[in-house]
Amino acid sequence: QVQLVESGGGLVQPGGSLRLSCAASGSIDSIATMGWYRQAPGKERELVATITTGGTTNYADAVKGRFTISRDNAKNTVALQMNSLKPEDTAVYYCHVWWFFYKVYNYWGQGTQVTVSS
């Protein structure tokens, strides 16, 4: 079994910064892709950023230039540095990992709340 545990969420003012972390444990494939998604109340879960084992990154247009994703392959951790936060960034942020080995393996963390408000 795979477990993903997020940390670092909280309440910040517009323009502020937060750093989210996710620690993965269990039988994770060595070439798994890790990333972050978010979901606001009443809205569909959306991609924020992903990163491959080799370091290739992908960002949603809404966060490009403000957020940075990184990972430590040896520790199976992934982080999301969020700068210049806006109220529309308010959501539950979920850590995600997936890989393919004859079928798709797909796991989610429990989520951490990020609230951007004055």
C-alpha atoms as a PDB file:
ATOM      1  CA  GLN A   1       0.000   0.000   0.000  1.00  0.00           C
ATOM      2  CA  VAL A   2       1.015   3.605  -0.652  1.00  0.00           C
ATOM      3  CA  GLN A   3       0.498   6.463   1.768  1.00  0.00           C
ATOM      4  CA  LEU A   4       0.867  10.178   0.976  1.00  0.00           C
ATOM      5  CA  VAL A   5       0.913  12.723   3.807  1.00  0.00           C
ATOM      6  CA  GLU A   6       0.683  16.458   3.095  1.00  0.00           C
ATOM      7  CA  SER A   7       1.741  19.278   5.398  1.00  0.00           C
ATOM      8  CA  GLY A   8       2.272  23.037   5.320  1.00  0.00           C
ATOM      9  CA  GLY A   9      -1.204  24.363   4.621  1.00  0.00           C
ATOM     10  CA  GLY A  10      -2.708  27.284   6.485  1.00  0.00           C
ATOM     11  CA  LEU A  11      -4.060  30.829   6.334  1.00  0.00           C
ATOM     12  CA  VAL A  12      -2.056  33.535   4.557  1.00  0.00           C
ATOM     13  CA  GLN A  13      -2.706  37.062   3.309  1.00  0.00           C
ATOM     14  CA  PRO A  14      -2.836  37.883  -0.407  1.00  0.00           C
ATOM     15  CA  GLY A  15       0.695  38.250  -1.728  1.00  0.00           C
ATOM     16  CA  GLY A  16       2.077  35.911   0.902  1.00  0.00           C
ATOM     17  CA  SER A  17       3.825  32.564   0.562  1.00  0.00           C
ATOM     18  CA  LEU A  18       3.408  28.984   1.721  1.00  0.00           C
ATOM     19  CA  ARG A  19       5.398  25.815   1.184  1.00  0.00           C
ATOM     20  CA  LEU A  20       3.563  22.495   0.986  1.00  0.00           C
ATOM     21  CA  SER A  21       5.307  19.175   1.492  1.00  0.00           C
ATOM     22  CA  CYS A  22       4.274  15.599   0.782  1.00  0.00           C
ATOM     23  CA  ALA A  23       5.958  12.470   2.079  1.00  0.00           C
ATOM     24  CA  ALA A  24       5.292   9.212   0.254  1.00  0.00           C
ATOM     25  CA  SER A  25       5.760   5.750   1.681  1.00  0.00           C
ATOM     26  CA  GLY A  26       5.077   2.207   0.532  1.00  0.00           C
ATOM     27  CA  SER A  27       5.698   0.285  -2.664  1.00  0.00           C
ATOM     28  CA  ILE A  28       6.153   3.174  -5.082  1.00  0.00           C
ATOM     29  CA  ASP A  29       7.602   2.595  -8.519  1.00  0.00           C
ATOM     30  CA  SER A  30      10.999   4.177  -9.109  1.00  0.00           C
ATOM     31  CA  ILE A  31       9.712   6.192 -12.088  1.00  0.00           C
ATOM     32  CA  ALA A  32       6.492   7.441 -10.521  1.00  0.00           C
ATOM     33  CA  THR A  33       5.296  10.922 -11.373  1.00  0.00           C
ATOM     34  CA  MET A  34       4.361  13.099  -8.394  1.00  0.00           C
ATOM     35  CA  GLY A  35       2.311  16.246  -8.277  1.00  0.00           C
ATOM     36  CA  TRP A  36      -0.210  18.559  -6.695  1.00  0.00           C
ATOM     37  CA  TYR A  37      -3.885  19.099  -7.426  1.00  0.00           C
ATOM     38  CA  ARG A  38      -6.395  21.378  -5.749  1.00  0.00           C
ATOM     39  CA  GLN A  39     -10.141  21.532  -5.260  1.00  0.00           C
ATOM     40  CA  ALA A  40     -12.266  24.464  -4.137  1.00  0.00           C
ATOM     41  CA  PRO A  41     -15.813  23.969  -2.764  1.00  0.00           C
ATOM     42  CA  GLY A  42     -18.267  23.238  -5.558  1.00  0.00           C
ATOM     43  CA  LYS A  43     -15.521  22.991  -8.167  1.00  0.00           C
ATOM     44  CA  GLU A  44     -13.781  20.144  -9.951  1.00  0.00           C
ATOM     45  CA  ARG A  45     -10.354  19.024  -8.826  1.00  0.00           C
ATOM     46  CA  GLU A  46      -7.701  20.602 -11.048  1.00  0.00           C
ATOM     47  CA  LEU A  47      -4.039  20.045 -11.760  1.00  0.00           C
ATOM     48  CA  VAL A  48      -1.593  22.483 -10.166  1.00  0.00           C
ATOM     49  CA  ALA A  49       1.812  21.020 -11.014  1.00  0.00           C
ATOM     50  CA  THR A  50       3.545  17.707 -11.711  1.00  0.00           C
ATOM     51  CA  ILE A  51       7.139  16.539 -11.756  1.00  0.00           C
ATOM     52  CA  THR A  52       8.713  13.366 -13.135  1.00  0.00           C
ATOM     53  CA  THR A  53      11.573  11.389 -11.633  1.00  0.00           C
ATOM     54  CA  GLY A  54      13.841  13.044 -14.182  1.00  0.00           C
ATOM     55  CA  GLY A  55      12.763  16.524 -13.106  1.00  0.00           C
ATOM     56  CA  THR A  56      10.432  17.479 -15.959  1.00  0.00           C
ATOM     57  CA  THR A  57       7.768  19.865 -14.649  1.00  0.00           C
ATOM     58  CA  ASN A  58       4.316  20.890 -15.787  1.00  0.00           C
ATOM     59  CA  TYR A  59       2.253  23.779 -14.375  1.00  0.00           C
ATOM     60  CA  ALA A  60      -1.273  25.011 -14.715  1.00  0.00           C
ATOM     61  CA  ASP A  61      -1.412  28.385 -16.447  1.00  0.00           C
ATOM     62  CA  ALA A  62      -3.018  29.948 -13.368  1.00  0.00           C
ATOM     63  CA  VAL A  63       0.033  29.248 -11.194  1.00  0.00           C
ATOM     64  CA  LYS A  64       2.881  29.459 -13.702  1.00  0.00           C
ATOM     65  CA  GLY A  65       5.545  31.892 -12.542  1.00  0.00           C
ATOM     66  CA  ARG A  66       4.254  31.907  -8.961  1.00  0.00           C
ATOM     67  CA  PHE A  67       4.501  28.256  -7.861  1.00  0.00           C
ATOM     68  CA  THR A  68       7.504  25.934  -8.016  1.00  0.00           C
ATOM     69  CA  ILE A  69       7.365  22.147  -7.657  1.00  0.00           C
ATOM     70  CA  SER A  70      10.366  20.079  -6.591  1.00  0.00           C
ATOM     71  CA  ARG A  71      11.133  16.544  -5.437  1.00  0.00           C
ATOM     72  CA  ASP A  72      13.703  14.444  -3.654  1.00  0.00           C
ATOM     73  CA  ASN A  73      13.766  11.031  -5.320  1.00  0.00           C
ATOM     74  CA  ALA A  74      15.825   9.415  -2.570  1.00  0.00           C
ATOM     75  CA  LYS A  75      13.305  10.437   0.095  1.00  0.00           C
ATOM     76  CA  ASN A  76      10.153  10.136  -2.034  1.00  0.00           C
ATOM     77  CA  THR A  77       9.040  13.632  -1.157  1.00  0.00           C
ATOM     78  CA  VAL A  78       7.559  16.419  -3.250  1.00  0.00           C
ATOM     79  CA  ALA A  79       7.161  20.084  -2.346  1.00  0.00           C
ATOM     80  CA  LEU A  80       5.233  23.041  -3.704  1.00  0.00           C
ATOM     81  CA  GLN A  81       6.537  26.540  -3.066  1.00  0.00           C
ATOM     82  CA  MET A  82       3.670  29.001  -3.494  1.00  0.00           C
ATOM     83  CA  ASN A  83       4.465  32.703  -3.832  1.00  0.00           C
ATOM     84  CA  SER A  84       2.343  35.767  -4.587  1.00  0.00           C
ATOM     85  CA  LEU A  85      -0.745  33.951  -3.380  1.00  0.00           C
ATOM     86  CA  LYS A  86      -4.177  35.140  -4.478  1.00  0.00           C
ATOM     87  CA  PRO A  87      -7.636  34.566  -2.948  1.00  0.00           C
ATOM     88  CA  GLU A  88      -8.484  32.338  -5.922  1.00  0.00           C
ATOM     89  CA  ASP A  89      -5.721  29.965  -4.810  1.00  0.00           C
ATOM     90  CA  THR A  90      -7.884  29.022  -1.814  1.00  0.00           C
ATOM     91  CA  ALA A  91      -8.555  25.276  -1.981  1.00  0.00           C
ATOM     92  CA  VAL A  92      -7.720  21.906  -0.525  1.00  0.00           C
ATOM     93  CA  TYR A  93      -4.397  20.835  -2.022  1.00  0.00           C
ATOM     94  CA  TYR A  94      -3.803  17.143  -2.677  1.00  0.00           C
ATOM     95  CA  CYS A  95      -0.569  15.283  -3.226  1.00  0.00           C
ATOM     96  CA  HIS A  96      -0.694  12.719  -6.020  1.00  0.00           C
ATOM     97  CA  VAL A  97       1.502   9.920  -7.360  1.00  0.00           C
ATOM     98  CA  TRP A  98       1.012   7.640 -10.350  1.00  0.00           C
ATOM     99  CA  TRP A  99       2.867   5.171 -12.530  1.00  0.00           C
ATOM    100  CA  PHE A 100       2.260   2.510 -15.155  1.00  0.00           C
ATOM    101  CA  PHE A 101       3.240  -1.144 -14.839  1.00  0.00           C
ATOM    102  CA  TYR A 102       0.862  -3.123 -17.090  1.00  0.00           C
ATOM    103  CA  LYS A 103      -1.871  -0.971 -15.544  1.00  0.00           C
ATOM    104  CA  VAL A 104      -2.178   2.483 -13.970  1.00  0.00           C
ATOM    105  CA  TYR A 105      -1.403   2.846 -10.273  1.00  0.00           C
ATOM    106  CA  ASN A 106      -2.884   6.028  -8.817  1.00  0.00           C
ATOM    107  CA  TYR A 107      -2.768   7.346  -5.216  1.00  0.00           C
ATOM    108  CA  TRP A 108      -3.895  10.491  -3.395  1.00  0.00           C
ATOM    109  CA  GLY A 109      -3.128  12.140  -0.078  1.00  0.00           C
ATOM    110  CA  GLN A 110      -5.831  13.315   2.321  1.00  0.00           C
ATOM    111  CA  GLY A 111      -5.367  16.978   1.431  1.00  0.00           C
ATOM    112  CA  THR A 112      -4.273  20.138   3.218  1.00  0.00           C
ATOM    113  CA  GLN A 113      -6.279  23.378   3.369  1.00  0.00           C
ATOM    114  CA  VAL A 114      -4.824  26.578   1.921  1.00  0.00           C
ATOM    115  CA  THR A 115      -6.774  29.771   2.584  1.00  0.00           C
ATOM    116  CA  VAL A 116      -5.716  33.128   1.131  1.00  0.00           C
ATOM    117  CA  SER A 117      -7.639  35.977   2.738  1.00  0.00           C
ATOM    118  CA  SER A 118      -7.258  39.408   4.298  1.00  0.00           C
END
